Amino acid sequence: MTYLYLKAIHIVFVVCWFAGIFYLPRLFIYNIEAQEQPDSNARAIMTKQFNVMAKRLWYGITIPSAVISLITGTWLLIERGYWRYLFEGSMLWLLIKLILVVLFYWYNYSLHKILQQQLRNVYKITSQQLRIWNEVATVILVAVVFLAVVKSSLSLLYALVGIILLIAVLFAAIDIYKKIRLKQNKPHKEA
């Protein structure tokens, strides 16, 4: 019975963690775009507000959720004894999932570095680069969910093809969105 409660808690905090991870880069993008404001007063107000929102999201939701996800996930591995079978064929899905989770913590760290830069008014990444970087979380989420649900019956070839297709669709969507934004921002010629 403890296992099911622990698993439920783990899922809830993973969802909260991903919610923070998906929204934080949006705040970064808005902050970068606020720097283009010609009115320095408006720019200062927006920068301050986006920084407050990003800090609250990061320290109030994202980091605590990441820590609780790590604790409950580790606890689940230990309680079920899965860690003993990670390198066996039937548990290959779990090993791959754990590798993706480690990559996701690294991604999490990269967002922390961007947050620290923006809090110091340093903007090294463009809004377009952040839109692309934001999709890394989407790809990892899709891969982890499919691995966790389908497990050992998942063909690695199909999974790889699926991930490549997902990446292609995401890049196409980002490109289409960029073209729409550029078209909307063009000054209209008056007749």
N, C-alpha and C. Protein backbone atom coordinates (compact mmCIF):
# COMPACT_ATOMS: atom_id res chain seq x y z
N MET A 1 0.82 -1.19 0.00
CA MET A 1 0.00 0.00 0.00
C MET A 1 0.87 1.26 0.00
N THR A 2 1.97 1.24 0.74
CA THR A 2 2.88 2.38 0.77
C THR A 2 3.36 2.71 -0.64
N TYR A 3 3.62 1.68 -1.43
CA TYR A 3 4.11 1.86 -2.79
C TYR A 3 3.17 2.74 -3.61
N LEU A 4 1.86 2.47 -3.55
CA LEU A 4 0.90 3.22 -4.35
C LEU A 4 0.82 4.69 -3.91
N TYR A 5 0.85 4.93 -2.61
CA TYR A 5 0.84 6.32 -2.12
C TYR A 5 2.11 7.04 -2.54
N LEU A 6 3.22 6.36 -2.41
CA LEU A 6 4.51 6.94 -2.79
C LEU A 6 4.54 7.25 -4.29
N LYS A 7 4.02 6.31 -5.08
CA LYS A 7 3.97 6.51 -6.53
C LYS A 7 3.08 7.70 -6.88
N ALA A 8 1.93 7.82 -6.21
CA ALA A 8 1.03 8.95 -6.45
C ALA A 8 1.71 10.27 -6.11
N ILE A 9 2.39 10.32 -4.97
CA ILE A 9 3.11 11.53 -4.57
C ILE A 9 4.19 11.86 -5.60
N HIS A 10 4.90 10.84 -6.04
CA HIS A 10 5.95 11.02 -7.04
C HIS A 10 5.37 11.63 -8.32
N ILE A 11 4.27 11.09 -8.80
CA ILE A 11 3.65 11.58 -10.03
C ILE A 11 3.19 13.03 -9.87
N VAL A 12 2.56 13.34 -8.74
CA VAL A 12 2.09 14.71 -8.50
C VAL A 12 3.25 15.70 -8.56
N PHE A 13 4.36 15.37 -7.90
CA PHE A 13 5.48 16.32 -7.88
C PHE A 13 6.25 16.36 -9.19
N VAL A 14 6.24 15.27 -9.95
CA VAL A 14 6.84 15.32 -11.28
C VAL A 14 6.02 16.26 -12.17
N VAL A 15 4.68 16.18 -12.05
CA VAL A 15 3.82 17.09 -12.83
C VAL A 15 4.09 18.54 -12.44
N CYS A 16 4.19 18.81 -11.14
CA CYS A 16 4.49 20.18 -10.68
C CYS A 16 5.85 20.64 -11.19
N TRP A 17 6.82 19.76 -11.15
CA TRP A 17 8.17 20.07 -11.62
C TRP A 17 8.15 20.44 -13.10
N PHE A 18 7.49 19.61 -13.90
CA PHE A 18 7.42 19.90 -15.33
C PHE A 18 6.65 21.18 -15.60
N ALA A 19 5.61 21.45 -14.82
CA ALA A 19 4.86 22.70 -15.00
C ALA A 19 5.80 23.89 -14.83
N GLY A 20 6.63 23.85 -13.79
CA GLY A 20 7.60 24.92 -13.57
C GLY A 20 8.62 25.00 -14.69
N ILE A 21 9.08 23.85 -15.14
CA ILE A 21 10.09 23.80 -16.20
C ILE A 21 9.52 24.31 -17.53
N PHE A 22 8.25 24.03 -17.79
CA PHE A 22 7.65 24.52 -19.03
C PHE A 22 7.39 26.03 -18.99
N TYR A 23 7.04 26.56 -17.83
CA TYR A 23 6.68 27.97 -17.74
C TYR A 23 7.90 28.89 -17.58
N LEU A 24 8.92 28.43 -16.90
CA LEU A 24 10.08 29.28 -16.63
C LEU A 24 10.72 29.85 -17.91
N PRO A 25 10.99 29.03 -18.92
CA PRO A 25 11.55 29.61 -20.15
C PRO A 25 10.63 30.64 -20.81
N ARG A 26 9.32 30.48 -20.65
CA ARG A 26 8.39 31.50 -21.18
C ARG A 26 8.66 32.84 -20.48
N LEU A 27 8.84 32.79 -19.17
CA LEU A 27 9.15 34.02 -18.43
C LEU A 27 10.48 34.61 -18.90
N PHE A 28 11.46 33.75 -19.16
CA PHE A 28 12.74 34.22 -19.69
C PHE A 28 12.54 34.93 -21.03
N ILE A 29 11.72 34.32 -21.89
CA ILE A 29 11.46 34.90 -23.21
C ILE A 29 10.79 36.26 -23.07
N TYR A 30 9.77 36.34 -22.21
CA TYR A 30 9.09 37.62 -22.01
C TYR A 30 10.06 38.67 -21.47
N ASN A 31 10.95 38.25 -20.60
CA ASN A 31 11.93 39.18 -20.03
C ASN A 31 12.89 39.68 -21.11
N ILE A 32 13.36 38.78 -21.95
CA ILE A 32 14.26 39.18 -23.04
C ILE A 32 13.54 40.15 -23.98
N GLU A 33 12.29 39.83 -24.31
CA GLU A 33 11.54 40.70 -25.22
C GLU A 33 11.21 42.04 -24.57
N ALA A 34 11.09 42.06 -23.25
CA ALA A 34 10.85 43.33 -22.55
C ALA A 34 12.04 44.27 -22.69
N GLN A 35 13.24 43.71 -22.88
CA GLN A 35 14.44 44.54 -23.03
C GLN A 35 14.42 45.34 -24.32
N GLU A 36 13.54 44.96 -25.25
CA GLU A 36 13.42 45.67 -26.53
C GLU A 36 12.50 46.88 -26.42
N GLN A 37 11.87 47.07 -25.27
CA GLN A 37 10.96 48.20 -25.07
C GLN A 37 11.74 49.52 -25.14
N PRO A 38 11.27 50.46 -25.94
CA PRO A 38 11.98 51.74 -26.03
C PRO A 38 11.85 52.58 -24.76
N ASP A 39 10.75 52.41 -24.04
CA ASP A 39 10.50 53.17 -22.82
C ASP A 39 11.26 52.51 -21.66
N SER A 40 12.28 53.18 -21.15
CA SER A 40 13.11 52.59 -20.09
C SER A 40 12.32 52.34 -18.81
N ASN A 41 11.33 53.17 -18.54
CA ASN A 41 10.49 52.98 -17.37
C ASN A 41 9.69 51.69 -17.48
N ALA A 42 9.05 51.49 -18.62
CA ALA A 42 8.26 50.27 -18.86
C ALA A 42 9.18 49.05 -18.83
N ARG A 43 10.35 49.18 -19.43
CA ARG A 43 11.32 48.08 -19.45
C ARG A 43 11.71 47.69 -18.03
N ALA A 44 11.99 48.67 -17.18
CA ALA A 44 12.40 48.39 -15.79
C ALA A 44 11.27 47.72 -15.01
N ILE A 45 10.05 48.20 -15.20
CA ILE A 45 8.90 47.61 -14.49
C ILE A 45 8.69 46.16 -14.92
N MET A 46 8.72 45.92 -16.25
CA MET A 46 8.50 44.55 -16.74
C MET A 46 9.63 43.62 -16.30
N THR A 47 10.87 44.09 -16.38
CA THR A 47 12.00 43.27 -15.96
C THR A 47 11.87 42.87 -14.50
N LYS A 48 11.55 43.85 -13.66
CA LYS A 48 11.39 43.56 -12.23
C LYS A 48 10.28 42.53 -12.01
N GLN A 49 9.15 42.69 -12.69
CA GLN A 49 8.03 41.77 -12.51
C GLN A 49 8.36 40.37 -13.00
N PHE A 50 8.98 40.26 -14.18
CA PHE A 50 9.33 38.93 -14.70
C PHE A 50 10.36 38.25 -13.81
N ASN A 51 11.30 39.01 -13.26
CA ASN A 51 12.28 38.43 -12.34
C ASN A 51 11.62 37.92 -11.06
N VAL A 52 10.68 38.68 -10.52
CA VAL A 52 9.95 38.24 -9.33
C VAL A 52 9.17 36.96 -9.63
N MET A 53 8.48 36.94 -10.76
CA MET A 53 7.70 35.76 -11.13
C MET A 53 8.60 34.53 -11.32
N ALA A 54 9.73 34.73 -12.00
CA ALA A 54 10.65 33.62 -12.25
C ALA A 54 11.23 33.08 -10.95
N LYS A 55 11.64 33.98 -10.04
CA LYS A 55 12.19 33.53 -8.75
C LYS A 55 11.16 32.75 -7.95
N ARG A 56 9.93 33.25 -7.90
CA ARG A 56 8.87 32.56 -7.14
C ARG A 56 8.58 31.19 -7.74
N LEU A 57 8.51 31.14 -9.05
CA LEU A 57 8.26 29.86 -9.72
C LEU A 57 9.40 28.89 -9.46
N TRP A 58 10.62 29.36 -9.59
CA TRP A 58 11.79 28.50 -9.44
C TRP A 58 11.95 27.98 -8.01
N TYR A 59 11.97 28.92 -7.06
CA TYR A 59 12.24 28.53 -5.67
C TYR A 59 11.00 28.04 -4.92
N GLY A 60 9.81 28.42 -5.38
CA GLY A 60 8.59 28.03 -4.69
C GLY A 60 7.95 26.76 -5.22
N ILE A 61 8.16 26.47 -6.51
CA ILE A 61 7.51 25.30 -7.11
C ILE A 61 8.51 24.34 -7.75
N THR A 62 9.33 24.86 -8.65
CA THR A 62 10.17 23.98 -9.47
C THR A 62 11.22 23.23 -8.66
N ILE A 63 12.02 23.93 -7.88
CA ILE A 63 13.07 23.27 -7.11
C ILE A 63 12.50 22.32 -6.05
N PRO A 64 11.52 22.76 -5.24
CA PRO A 64 10.95 21.81 -4.27
C PRO A 64 10.36 20.57 -4.95
N SER A 65 9.71 20.75 -6.08
CA SER A 65 9.13 19.61 -6.80
C SER A 65 10.21 18.69 -7.34
N ALA A 66 11.32 19.26 -7.82
CA ALA A 66 12.43 18.45 -8.31
C ALA A 66 13.04 17.62 -7.18
N VAL A 67 13.18 18.24 -6.02
CA VAL A 67 13.77 17.53 -4.86
C VAL A 67 12.84 16.41 -4.39
N ILE A 68 11.55 16.71 -4.25
CA ILE A 68 10.60 15.68 -3.80
C ILE A 68 10.49 14.57 -4.85
N SER A 69 10.55 14.91 -6.13
CA SER A 69 10.54 13.89 -7.19
C SER A 69 11.75 12.98 -7.08
N LEU A 70 12.90 13.56 -6.80
CA LEU A 70 14.12 12.77 -6.65
C LEU A 70 14.02 11.84 -5.44
N ILE A 71 13.55 12.37 -4.33
CA ILE A 71 13.43 11.56 -3.10
C ILE A 71 12.44 10.42 -3.30
N THR A 72 11.25 10.73 -3.81
CA THR A 72 10.24 9.68 -3.98
C THR A 72 10.63 8.70 -5.07
N GLY A 73 11.25 9.17 -6.14
CA GLY A 73 11.70 8.27 -7.20
C GLY A 73 12.77 7.31 -6.71
N THR A 74 13.71 7.83 -5.94
CA THR A 74 14.76 6.97 -5.37
C THR A 74 14.15 5.96 -4.40
N TRP A 75 13.23 6.43 -3.59
CA TRP A 75 12.54 5.57 -2.62
C TRP A 75 11.80 4.43 -3.35
N LEU A 76 11.13 4.76 -4.45
CA LEU A 76 10.43 3.74 -5.24
C LEU A 76 11.40 2.71 -5.80
N LEU A 77 12.54 3.17 -6.30
CA LEU A 77 13.56 2.25 -6.82
C LEU A 77 14.05 1.29 -5.74
N ILE A 78 14.27 1.84 -4.56
CA ILE A 78 14.78 1.02 -3.45
C ILE A 78 13.69 0.08 -2.93
N GLU A 79 12.49 0.61 -2.71
CA GLU A 79 11.42 -0.22 -2.15
C GLU A 79 11.08 -1.41 -3.03
N ARG A 80 11.06 -1.20 -4.34
CA ARG A 80 10.74 -2.29 -5.27
C ARG A 80 11.97 -3.12 -5.63
N GLY A 81 13.14 -2.65 -5.28
CA GLY A 81 14.36 -3.38 -5.60
C GLY A 81 14.74 -3.32 -7.07
N TYR A 82 14.18 -2.35 -7.78
CA TYR A 82 14.44 -2.24 -9.22
C TYR A 82 15.91 -1.99 -9.53
N TRP A 83 16.60 -1.28 -8.65
CA TRP A 83 18.00 -0.93 -8.90
C TRP A 83 18.87 -2.16 -9.13
N ARG A 84 18.46 -3.31 -8.57
CA ARG A 84 19.26 -4.55 -8.73
C ARG A 84 19.18 -5.12 -10.14
N TYR A 85 18.14 -4.72 -10.88
CA TYR A 85 17.89 -5.33 -12.19
C TYR A 85 18.07 -4.36 -13.35
N LEU A 86 18.66 -3.23 -13.09
CA LEU A 86 18.76 -2.18 -14.12
C LEU A 86 19.45 -2.64 -15.40
N PHE A 87 20.41 -3.53 -15.29
CA PHE A 87 21.18 -3.92 -16.47
C PHE A 87 20.70 -5.22 -17.09
N GLU A 88 19.53 -5.68 -16.67
CA GLU A 88 18.93 -6.86 -17.29
C GLU A 88 18.03 -6.41 -18.43
N GLY A 89 17.87 -7.27 -19.41
CA GLY A 89 17.11 -6.92 -20.61
C GLY A 89 15.71 -6.39 -20.36
N SER A 90 14.99 -7.01 -19.43
CA SER A 90 13.60 -6.60 -19.20
C SER A 90 13.50 -5.24 -18.50
N MET A 91 14.58 -4.78 -17.91
CA MET A 91 14.56 -3.49 -17.21
C MET A 91 15.34 -2.40 -17.95
N LEU A 92 15.69 -2.68 -19.20
CA LEU A 92 16.42 -1.70 -19.99
C LEU A 92 15.66 -0.38 -20.09
N TRP A 93 14.34 -0.45 -20.16
CA TRP A 93 13.51 0.76 -20.22
C TRP A 93 13.77 1.66 -19.02
N LEU A 94 13.93 1.04 -17.84
CA LEU A 94 14.15 1.83 -16.62
C LEU A 94 15.53 2.49 -16.62
N LEU A 95 16.52 1.77 -17.11
CA LEU A 95 17.86 2.34 -17.21
C LEU A 95 17.85 3.55 -18.15
N ILE A 96 17.19 3.41 -19.30
CA ILE A 96 17.10 4.52 -20.24
C ILE A 96 16.34 5.68 -19.61
N LYS A 97 15.26 5.37 -18.90
CA LYS A 97 14.47 6.41 -18.23
C LYS A 97 15.34 7.16 -17.22
N LEU A 98 16.13 6.43 -16.45
CA LEU A 98 16.98 7.08 -15.45
C LEU A 98 18.05 7.95 -16.10
N ILE A 99 18.57 7.52 -17.23
CA ILE A 99 19.53 8.35 -17.97
C ILE A 99 18.85 9.65 -18.42
N LEU A 100 17.61 9.53 -18.90
CA LEU A 100 16.86 10.73 -19.31
C LEU A 100 16.57 11.63 -18.11
N VAL A 101 16.31 11.04 -16.96
CA VAL A 101 16.06 11.83 -15.75
C VAL A 101 17.33 12.61 -15.36
N VAL A 102 18.48 11.97 -15.46
CA VAL A 102 19.74 12.66 -15.18
C VAL A 102 19.93 13.82 -16.17
N LEU A 103 19.64 13.58 -17.44
CA LEU A 103 19.72 14.65 -18.44
C LEU A 103 18.75 15.78 -18.10
N PHE A 104 17.58 15.40 -17.58
CA PHE A 104 16.60 16.41 -17.23
C PHE A 104 17.07 17.26 -16.04
N TYR A 105 17.74 16.64 -15.08
CA TYR A 105 18.31 17.43 -13.97
C TYR A 105 19.40 18.38 -14.50
N TRP A 106 20.16 17.93 -15.47
CA TRP A 106 21.15 18.82 -16.09
C TRP A 106 20.44 19.98 -16.79
N TYR A 107 19.35 19.69 -17.49
CA TYR A 107 18.55 20.73 -18.14
C TYR A 107 18.02 21.71 -17.09
N ASN A 108 17.55 21.16 -15.99
CA ASN A 108 17.07 21.95 -14.86
C ASN A 108 18.17 22.93 -14.40
N TYR A 109 19.39 22.41 -14.27
CA TYR A 109 20.53 23.23 -13.87
C TYR A 109 20.79 24.34 -14.89
N SER A 110 20.67 24.02 -16.18
CA SER A 110 20.90 25.04 -17.22
C SER A 110 19.90 26.19 -17.10
N LEU A 111 18.65 25.86 -16.73
CA LEU A 111 17.66 26.92 -16.52
C LEU A 111 18.01 27.76 -15.30
N HIS A 112 18.57 27.12 -14.29
CA HIS A 112 19.00 27.86 -13.10
C HIS A 112 20.08 28.89 -13.48
N LYS A 113 21.01 28.48 -14.33
CA LYS A 113 22.07 29.39 -14.77
C LYS A 113 21.48 30.57 -15.55
N ILE A 114 20.50 30.30 -16.41
CA ILE A 114 19.86 31.38 -17.16
C ILE A 114 19.13 32.32 -16.21
N LEU A 115 18.45 31.76 -15.21
CA LEU A 115 17.76 32.58 -14.22
C LEU A 115 18.74 33.50 -13.51
N GLN A 116 19.87 32.94 -13.08
CA GLN A 116 20.87 33.75 -12.39
C GLN A 116 21.38 34.89 -13.28
N GLN A 117 21.58 34.60 -14.56
CA GLN A 117 22.02 35.64 -15.49
C GLN A 117 20.97 36.74 -15.63
N GLN A 118 19.72 36.33 -15.81
CA GLN A 118 18.67 37.34 -16.00
C GLN A 118 18.46 38.18 -14.75
N LEU A 119 18.64 37.59 -13.59
CA LEU A 119 18.52 38.37 -12.36
C LEU A 119 19.61 39.43 -12.26
N ARG A 120 20.73 39.21 -12.97
CA ARG A 120 21.81 40.20 -13.03
C ARG A 120 21.71 41.07 -14.30
N ASN A 121 20.58 40.96 -15.00
CA ASN A 121 20.36 41.70 -16.26
C ASN A 121 21.37 41.33 -17.34
N VAL A 122 21.72 40.06 -17.40
CA VAL A 122 22.60 39.54 -18.44
C VAL A 122 21.74 38.65 -19.33
N TYR A 123 21.73 38.96 -20.63
CA TYR A 123 20.89 38.23 -21.58
C TYR A 123 21.76 37.69 -22.70
N LYS A 124 22.26 36.47 -22.52
CA LYS A 124 23.18 35.87 -23.49
C LYS A 124 22.45 35.07 -24.56
N ILE A 125 21.20 34.72 -24.29
CA ILE A 125 20.44 33.86 -25.19
C ILE A 125 19.28 34.66 -25.78
N THR A 126 19.02 34.47 -27.06
CA THR A 126 17.91 35.17 -27.69
C THR A 126 16.59 34.48 -27.35
N SER A 127 15.50 35.18 -27.58
CA SER A 127 14.19 34.59 -27.31
C SER A 127 13.95 33.39 -28.24
N GLN A 128 14.45 33.45 -29.46
CA GLN A 128 14.29 32.32 -30.39
C GLN A 128 15.07 31.10 -29.90
N GLN A 129 16.28 31.31 -29.41
CA GLN A 129 17.07 30.20 -28.87
C GLN A 129 16.38 29.58 -27.65
N LEU A 130 15.77 30.43 -26.83
CA LEU A 130 15.05 29.91 -25.67
C LEU A 130 13.80 29.13 -26.06
N ARG A 131 13.14 29.54 -27.13
CA ARG A 131 11.98 28.79 -27.61
C ARG A 131 12.41 27.37 -28.00
N ILE A 132 13.54 27.27 -28.64
CA ILE A 132 14.06 25.95 -29.03
C ILE A 132 14.48 25.18 -27.77
N TRP A 133 15.21 25.83 -26.88
CA TRP A 133 15.69 25.18 -25.65
C TRP A 133 14.52 24.69 -24.80
N ASN A 134 13.43 25.43 -24.82
CA ASN A 134 12.24 25.07 -24.05
C ASN A 134 11.68 23.71 -24.48
N GLU A 135 11.90 23.33 -25.74
CA GLU A 135 11.34 22.07 -26.24
C GLU A 135 12.14 20.85 -25.80
N VAL A 136 13.32 21.05 -25.25
CA VAL A 136 14.08 19.92 -24.71
C VAL A 136 13.26 19.20 -23.64
N ALA A 137 12.60 19.97 -22.79
CA ALA A 137 11.77 19.38 -21.74
C ALA A 137 10.63 18.57 -22.34
N THR A 138 10.05 19.05 -23.42
CA THR A 138 8.96 18.32 -24.08
C THR A 138 9.44 16.97 -24.58
N VAL A 139 10.58 16.96 -25.24
CA VAL A 139 11.13 15.71 -25.78
C VAL A 139 11.44 14.73 -24.65
N ILE A 140 12.05 15.20 -23.59
CA ILE A 140 12.37 14.32 -22.46
C ILE A 140 11.09 13.80 -21.82
N LEU A 141 10.10 14.66 -21.64
CA LEU A 141 8.83 14.23 -21.04
C LEU A 141 8.18 13.13 -21.87
N VAL A 142 8.08 13.32 -23.17
CA VAL A 142 7.45 12.31 -24.04
C VAL A 142 8.22 10.99 -23.95
N ALA A 143 9.53 11.06 -24.01
CA ALA A 143 10.34 9.84 -23.94
C ALA A 143 10.15 9.12 -22.61
N VAL A 144 10.19 9.84 -21.51
CA VAL A 144 10.05 9.23 -20.18
C VAL A 144 8.66 8.62 -20.00
N VAL A 145 7.62 9.33 -20.42
CA VAL A 145 6.26 8.80 -20.27
C VAL A 145 6.09 7.52 -21.09
N PHE A 146 6.54 7.53 -22.34
CA PHE A 146 6.41 6.32 -23.15
C PHE A 146 7.21 5.17 -22.56
N LEU A 147 8.40 5.44 -22.07
CA LEU A 147 9.19 4.38 -21.45
C LEU A 147 8.49 3.84 -20.20
N ALA A 148 7.93 4.71 -19.39
CA ALA A 148 7.29 4.29 -18.14
C ALA A 148 6.00 3.52 -18.40
N VAL A 149 5.28 3.86 -19.45
CA VAL A 149 4.00 3.20 -19.71
C VAL A 149 4.18 1.93 -20.53
N VAL A 150 4.95 2.00 -21.61
CA VAL A 150 5.07 0.86 -22.51
C VAL A 150 6.12 -0.13 -22.02
N LYS A 151 7.10 0.34 -21.31
CA LYS A 151 8.18 -0.45 -20.70
C LYS A 151 8.93 -1.32 -21.71
N SER A 152 9.10 -2.58 -21.40
CA SER A 152 9.98 -3.44 -22.20
C SER A 152 9.41 -3.79 -23.57
N SER A 153 8.11 -3.58 -23.79
CA SER A 153 7.55 -3.90 -25.10
C SER A 153 7.81 -2.78 -26.11
N LEU A 154 8.42 -1.72 -25.66
CA LEU A 154 8.72 -0.58 -26.52
C LEU A 154 9.92 -0.91 -27.41
N SER A 155 9.73 -0.81 -28.69
CA SER A 155 10.84 -1.01 -29.61
C SER A 155 11.71 0.24 -29.60
N LEU A 156 12.98 0.07 -29.37
CA LEU A 156 13.88 1.22 -29.33
C LEU A 156 13.94 1.93 -30.68
N LEU A 157 13.81 1.18 -31.77
CA LEU A 157 13.81 1.79 -33.09
C LEU A 157 12.59 2.69 -33.27
N TYR A 158 11.41 2.17 -32.90
CA TYR A 158 10.19 2.99 -32.98
C TYR A 158 10.30 4.22 -32.08
N ALA A 159 10.86 4.02 -30.92
CA ALA A 159 11.02 5.14 -29.98
C ALA A 159 11.92 6.21 -30.58
N LEU A 160 13.03 5.81 -31.17
CA LEU A 160 13.96 6.75 -31.78
C LEU A 160 13.30 7.50 -32.94
N VAL A 161 12.60 6.77 -33.79
CA VAL A 161 11.89 7.40 -34.91
C VAL A 161 10.84 8.38 -34.38
N GLY A 162 10.11 7.97 -33.35
CA GLY A 162 9.09 8.84 -32.75
C GLY A 162 9.68 10.12 -32.19
N ILE A 163 10.80 10.00 -31.50
CA ILE A 163 11.46 11.18 -30.93
C ILE A 163 11.96 12.11 -32.04
N ILE A 164 12.52 11.54 -33.09
CA ILE A 164 13.00 12.36 -34.21
C ILE A 164 11.83 13.09 -34.87
N LEU A 165 10.71 12.39 -35.05
CA LEU A 165 9.52 13.03 -35.62
C LEU A 165 9.00 14.14 -34.71
N LEU A 166 8.98 13.88 -33.41
CA LEU A 166 8.54 14.90 -32.46
C LEU A 166 9.43 16.14 -32.54
N ILE A 167 10.72 15.93 -32.58
CA ILE A 167 11.66 17.05 -32.69
C ILE A 167 11.41 17.83 -33.98
N ALA A 168 11.19 17.11 -35.09
CA ALA A 168 10.92 17.78 -36.37
C ALA A 168 9.64 18.62 -36.29
N VAL A 169 8.60 18.07 -35.68
CA VAL A 169 7.33 18.81 -35.55
C VAL A 169 7.53 20.04 -34.67
N LEU A 170 8.26 19.89 -33.56
CA LEU A 170 8.49 21.02 -32.67
C LEU A 170 9.29 22.13 -33.36
N PHE A 171 10.33 21.75 -34.11
CA PHE A 171 11.11 22.75 -34.82
C PHE A 171 10.27 23.45 -35.89
N ALA A 172 9.43 22.69 -36.58
CA ALA A 172 8.54 23.28 -37.59
C ALA A 172 7.58 24.27 -36.93
N ALA A 173 7.02 23.89 -35.78
CA ALA A 173 6.10 24.78 -35.07
C ALA A 173 6.80 26.06 -34.62
N ILE A 174 8.02 25.93 -34.13
CA ILE A 174 8.79 27.12 -33.71
C ILE A 174 9.05 28.03 -34.91
N ASP A 175 9.41 27.43 -36.04
CA ASP A 175 9.68 28.20 -37.25
C ASP A 175 8.42 28.90 -37.76
N ILE A 176 7.30 28.20 -37.76
CA ILE A 176 6.03 28.79 -38.20
C ILE A 176 5.66 29.95 -37.28
N TYR A 177 5.80 29.73 -35.98
CA TYR A 177 5.48 30.79 -35.01
C TYR A 177 6.35 32.02 -35.24
N LYS A 178 7.63 31.80 -35.51
CA LYS A 178 8.55 32.92 -35.76
C LYS A 178 8.11 33.70 -37.00
N LYS A 179 7.74 32.99 -38.06
CA LYS A 179 7.30 33.66 -39.29
C LYS A 179 6.03 34.46 -39.06
N ILE A 180 5.10 33.90 -38.29
CA ILE A 180 3.86 34.61 -37.98
C ILE A 180 4.16 35.88 -37.18
N ARG A 181 5.04 35.77 -36.19
CA ARG A 181 5.40 36.94 -35.38
C ARG A 181 6.07 38.01 -36.22
N LEU A 182 6.98 37.60 -37.10
CA LEU A 182 7.66 38.57 -37.96
C LEU A 182 6.68 39.26 -38.90
N LYS A 183 5.74 38.49 -39.42
CA LYS A 183 4.73 39.05 -40.32
C LYS A 183 3.84 40.05 -39.59
N GLN A 184 3.47 39.73 -38.35
CA GLN A 184 2.60 40.61 -37.57
C GLN A 184 3.32 41.89 -37.14
N ASN A 185 4.63 41.82 -36.99
CA ASN A 185 5.40 42.99 -36.53
C ASN A 185 5.85 43.91 -37.66
N LYS A 186 5.62 43.49 -38.92
CA LYS A 186 6.00 44.36 -40.05
C LYS A 186 5.07 45.56 -40.09
N PRO A 187 5.65 46.73 -40.33
CA PRO A 187 4.79 47.91 -40.46
C PRO A 187 3.95 47.80 -41.73
N HIS A 188 2.69 48.17 -41.63
CA HIS A 188 1.79 48.11 -42.77
C HIS A 188 1.94 49.38 -43.61
N LYS A 189 1.98 49.21 -44.92
CA LYS A 189 2.05 50.37 -45.81
C LYS A 189 0.65 50.95 -45.95
N GLU A 190 0.58 52.24 -45.81
CA GLU A 190 -0.72 52.90 -45.96
C GLU A 190 -0.95 53.22 -47.43
N ALA A 191 -2.18 53.05 -47.85
CA ALA A 191 -2.53 53.29 -49.26
C ALA A 191 -2.77 54.75 -49.53
